[in-house]
Amino acid sequence: MKNVLGREIPEYIDGYGNVKIFEGAFKNMNSLKKVSAKIKPVVPGDVKLVNSLEEVLDKVDIRDGMCISFHHHLRNGDYILNMVVESMAKRGIKNLTVAASSIFPTHKPLVAYIEDGTV
């Protein structure tokens, strides 16, 4: 088969499989479907504060395989990442990706969650 430049390429490559040729940068315009988060507006008088981390996790739709993100503001004194991952592990959530801007010795408990498949 020939690619967009007219070069002959194989239809199958051992160790790779069937080859799908590149058809140009703009061939599949508008074919990507994205899903965004549900965002509820907060108006004056509404209360958006919660009483616990567990209440936060009850309100959000965290599922297996999702990415959770953390800022490094408190650096080596920040236990939030540990608390959140522990709470998610108790809920049986698995295969999380942790996107933390930095990790410190205080985050050593993450190792156990990596080993058990939570992260």
C-alpha atoms as a PDB file:
ATOM      1  CA  MET A   1       0.000   0.000   0.000  1.00  0.00           C
ATOM      2  CA  LYS A   2       1.110   3.589  -0.526  1.00  0.00           C
ATOM      3  CA  ASN A   3       1.148   6.347   2.036  1.00  0.00           C
ATOM      4  CA  VAL A   4       0.096   9.975   1.485  1.00  0.00           C
ATOM      5  CA  LEU A   5       3.513  10.715  -0.055  1.00  0.00           C
ATOM      6  CA  GLY A   6       3.187   7.861  -2.530  1.00  0.00           C
ATOM      7  CA  ARG A   7       5.768   5.677  -0.800  1.00  0.00           C
ATOM      8  CA  GLU A   8       5.197   1.932  -0.708  1.00  0.00           C
ATOM      9  CA  ILE A   9       4.840   0.618   2.852  1.00  0.00           C
ATOM     10  CA  PRO A  10       4.009  -2.861   4.171  1.00  0.00           C
ATOM     11  CA  GLU A  11       0.479  -3.689   5.307  1.00  0.00           C
ATOM     12  CA  TYR A  12       1.835  -5.743   8.201  1.00  0.00           C
ATOM     13  CA  ILE A  13       5.020  -5.494  10.297  1.00  0.00           C
ATOM     14  CA  ASP A  14       6.161  -8.402  12.505  1.00  0.00           C
ATOM     15  CA  GLY A  15       6.136  -7.377  16.158  1.00  0.00           C
ATOM     16  CA  TYR A  16       3.902  -4.384  15.383  1.00  0.00           C
ATOM     17  CA  GLY A  17       0.896  -5.713  13.536  1.00  0.00           C
ATOM     18  CA  ASN A  18      -1.369  -4.226  10.875  1.00  0.00           C
ATOM     19  CA  VAL A  19      -0.236  -0.853   9.618  1.00  0.00           C
ATOM     20  CA  LYS A  20      -2.646   2.058   9.396  1.00  0.00           C
ATOM     21  CA  ILE A  21      -1.212   4.623   7.066  1.00  0.00           C
ATOM     22  CA  PHE A  22      -0.993   8.296   7.967  1.00  0.00           C
ATOM     23  CA  GLU A  23      -3.487  10.082   5.767  1.00  0.00           C
ATOM     24  CA  GLY A  24      -2.475  13.649   6.499  1.00  0.00           C
ATOM     25  CA  ALA A  25      -2.672  16.027   9.438  1.00  0.00           C
ATOM     26  CA  PHE A  26      -6.184  17.198   8.603  1.00  0.00           C
ATOM     27  CA  LYS A  27      -7.808  13.936   7.470  1.00  0.00           C
ATOM     28  CA  ASN A  28      -9.774  13.335  10.669  1.00  0.00           C
ATOM     29  CA  MET A  29     -10.812  16.857  11.608  1.00  0.00           C
ATOM     30  CA  ASN A  30     -13.685  17.017  14.116  1.00  0.00           C
ATOM     31  CA  SER A  31     -13.665  13.275  14.716  1.00  0.00           C
ATOM     32  CA  LEU A  32     -12.530  13.497  18.345  1.00  0.00           C
ATOM     33  CA  LYS A  33     -15.165  13.344  21.066  1.00  0.00           C
ATOM     34  CA  LYS A  34     -14.244  14.848  24.426  1.00  0.00           C
ATOM     35  CA  VAL A  35     -16.214  14.682  27.623  1.00  0.00           C
ATOM     36  CA  SER A  36     -15.818  17.422  30.174  1.00  0.00           C
ATOM     37  CA  ALA A  37     -16.532  17.533  33.858  1.00  0.00           C
ATOM     38  CA  LYS A  38     -19.961  18.515  35.114  1.00  0.00           C
ATOM     39  CA  ILE A  39     -19.593  21.957  36.646  1.00  0.00           C
ATOM     40  CA  LYS A  40     -22.285  23.339  38.909  1.00  0.00           C
ATOM     41  CA  PRO A  41     -22.290  27.125  39.267  1.00  0.00           C
ATOM     42  CA  VAL A  42     -22.059  28.597  42.748  1.00  0.00           C
ATOM     43  CA  VAL A  43     -24.124  31.717  43.323  1.00  0.00           C
ATOM     44  CA  PRO A  44     -23.956  34.103  46.280  1.00  0.00           C
ATOM     45  CA  GLY A  45     -25.534  32.441  49.288  1.00  0.00           C
ATOM     46  CA  ASP A  46     -24.712  28.890  48.170  1.00  0.00           C
ATOM     47  CA  VAL A  47     -22.393  26.961  50.463  1.00  0.00           C
ATOM     48  CA  LYS A  48     -19.717  24.958  48.687  1.00  0.00           C
ATOM     49  CA  LEU A  49     -17.753  23.943  51.774  1.00  0.00           C
ATOM     50  CA  VAL A  50     -17.903  20.388  53.073  1.00  0.00           C
ATOM     51  CA  ASN A  51     -17.093  18.921  56.472  1.00  0.00           C
ATOM     52  CA  SER A  52     -14.721  16.118  55.513  1.00  0.00           C
ATOM     53  CA  LEU A  53     -12.598  14.542  52.834  1.00  0.00           C
ATOM     54  CA  GLU A  54     -15.068  11.647  52.739  1.00  0.00           C
ATOM     55  CA  GLU A  55     -17.864  14.096  51.901  1.00  0.00           C
ATOM     56  CA  VAL A  56     -15.771  15.483  49.035  1.00  0.00           C
ATOM     57  CA  LEU A  57     -15.212  11.989  47.653  1.00  0.00           C
ATOM     58  CA  ASP A  58     -18.945  11.289  47.947  1.00  0.00           C
ATOM     59  CA  LYS A  59     -19.651  14.349  45.770  1.00  0.00           C
ATOM     60  CA  VAL A  60     -17.131  13.665  42.992  1.00  0.00           C
ATOM     61  CA  ASP A  61     -17.249  10.839  40.491  1.00  0.00           C
ATOM     62  CA  ILE A  62     -13.801   9.295  40.982  1.00  0.00           C
ATOM     63  CA  ARG A  63     -13.431   5.996  39.136  1.00  0.00           C
ATOM     64  CA  ASP A  64     -10.733   3.427  38.425  1.00  0.00           C
ATOM     65  CA  GLY A  65      -8.017   4.670  36.084  1.00  0.00           C
ATOM     66  CA  MET A  66      -8.538   8.391  36.653  1.00  0.00           C
ATOM     67  CA  CYS A  67      -5.856  11.014  37.287  1.00  0.00           C
ATOM     68  CA  ILE A  68      -5.735  12.955  40.557  1.00  0.00           C
ATOM     69  CA  SER A  69      -3.639  16.106  40.820  1.00  0.00           C
ATOM     70  CA  PHE A  70      -1.906  17.784  43.751  1.00  0.00           C
ATOM     71  CA  HIS A  71       0.002  21.011  44.265  1.00  0.00           C
ATOM     72  CA  HIS A  72       3.203  21.009  46.329  1.00  0.00           C
ATOM     73  CA  HIS A  73       2.343  24.071  48.442  1.00  0.00           C
ATOM     74  CA  LEU A  74       3.177  22.576  51.844  1.00  0.00           C
ATOM     75  CA  ARG A  75       6.057  20.501  50.517  1.00  0.00           C
ATOM     76  CA  ASN A  76       7.384  17.993  53.064  1.00  0.00           C
ATOM     77  CA  GLY A  77       4.672  18.830  55.594  1.00  0.00           C
ATOM     78  CA  ASP A  78       1.767  18.097  53.257  1.00  0.00           C
ATOM     79  CA  TYR A  79      -0.245  15.014  54.177  1.00  0.00           C
ATOM     80  CA  ILE A  80      -3.199  15.752  51.877  1.00  0.00           C
ATOM     81  CA  LEU A  81      -1.949  13.499  49.077  1.00  0.00           C
ATOM     82  CA  ASN A  82      -1.536  10.608  51.540  1.00  0.00           C
ATOM     83  CA  MET A  83      -4.990  11.178  53.051  1.00  0.00           C
ATOM     84  CA  VAL A  84      -6.720  11.332  49.657  1.00  0.00           C
ATOM     85  CA  VAL A  85      -5.030   8.205  48.295  1.00  0.00           C
ATOM     86  CA  GLU A  86      -5.748   6.317  51.543  1.00  0.00           C
ATOM     87  CA  SER A  87      -9.439   7.277  51.317  1.00  0.00           C
ATOM     88  CA  MET A  88      -9.610   6.169  47.689  1.00  0.00           C
ATOM     89  CA  ALA A  89      -7.920   2.859  48.528  1.00  0.00           C
ATOM     90  CA  LYS A  90     -10.545   2.233  51.224  1.00  0.00           C
ATOM     91  CA  ARG A  91     -13.204   2.763  48.554  1.00  0.00           C
ATOM     92  CA  GLY A  92     -11.540   0.149  46.331  1.00  0.00           C
ATOM     93  CA  ILE A  93     -10.526   2.595  43.597  1.00  0.00           C
ATOM     94  CA  LYS A  94      -7.627   1.235  41.503  1.00  0.00           C
ATOM     95  CA  ASN A  95      -5.166   2.256  38.767  1.00  0.00           C
ATOM     96  CA  LEU A  96      -5.055   5.938  39.716  1.00  0.00           C
ATOM     97  CA  THR A  97      -2.473   8.230  38.173  1.00  0.00           C
ATOM     98  CA  VAL A  98      -1.074  10.710  40.688  1.00  0.00           C
ATOM     99  CA  ALA A  99      -0.075  13.999  39.069  1.00  0.00           C
ATOM    100  CA  ALA A 100       1.777  15.726  41.881  1.00  0.00           C
ATOM    101  CA  SER A 101       4.049  18.663  41.148  1.00  0.00           C
ATOM    102  CA  SER A 102       6.508  17.183  43.642  1.00  0.00           C
ATOM    103  CA  ILE A 103       6.853  14.196  45.977  1.00  0.00           C
ATOM    104  CA  PHE A 104       8.750  14.269  49.301  1.00  0.00           C
ATOM    105  CA  PRO A 105       9.749  11.762  52.010  1.00  0.00           C
ATOM    106  CA  THR A 106       6.457  12.480  53.795  1.00  0.00           C
ATOM    107  CA  HIS A 107       4.702  10.774  50.871  1.00  0.00           C
ATOM    108  CA  LYS A 108       6.390   7.402  51.522  1.00  0.00           C
ATOM    109  CA  PRO A 109       2.968   5.761  52.213  1.00  0.00           C
ATOM    110  CA  LEU A 110       2.331   6.027  48.446  1.00  0.00           C
ATOM    111  CA  VAL A 111       4.699   3.097  47.906  1.00  0.00           C
ATOM    112  CA  ALA A 112       2.207   0.649  49.449  1.00  0.00           C
ATOM    113  CA  TYR A 113      -0.588   2.024  47.241  1.00  0.00           C
ATOM    114  CA  ILE A 114       1.590   1.645  44.151  1.00  0.00           C
ATOM    115  CA  GLU A 115       2.339  -1.955  45.136  1.00  0.00           C
ATOM    116  CA  ASP A 116      -1.336  -2.830  45.743  1.00  0.00           C
ATOM    117  CA  GLY A 117      -2.527  -1.267  42.481  1.00  0.00           C
ATOM    118  CA  THR A 118      -4.366   1.735  43.922  1.00  0.00           C
ATOM    119  CA  VAL A 119      -1.836   3.959  42.120  1.00  0.00           C
END
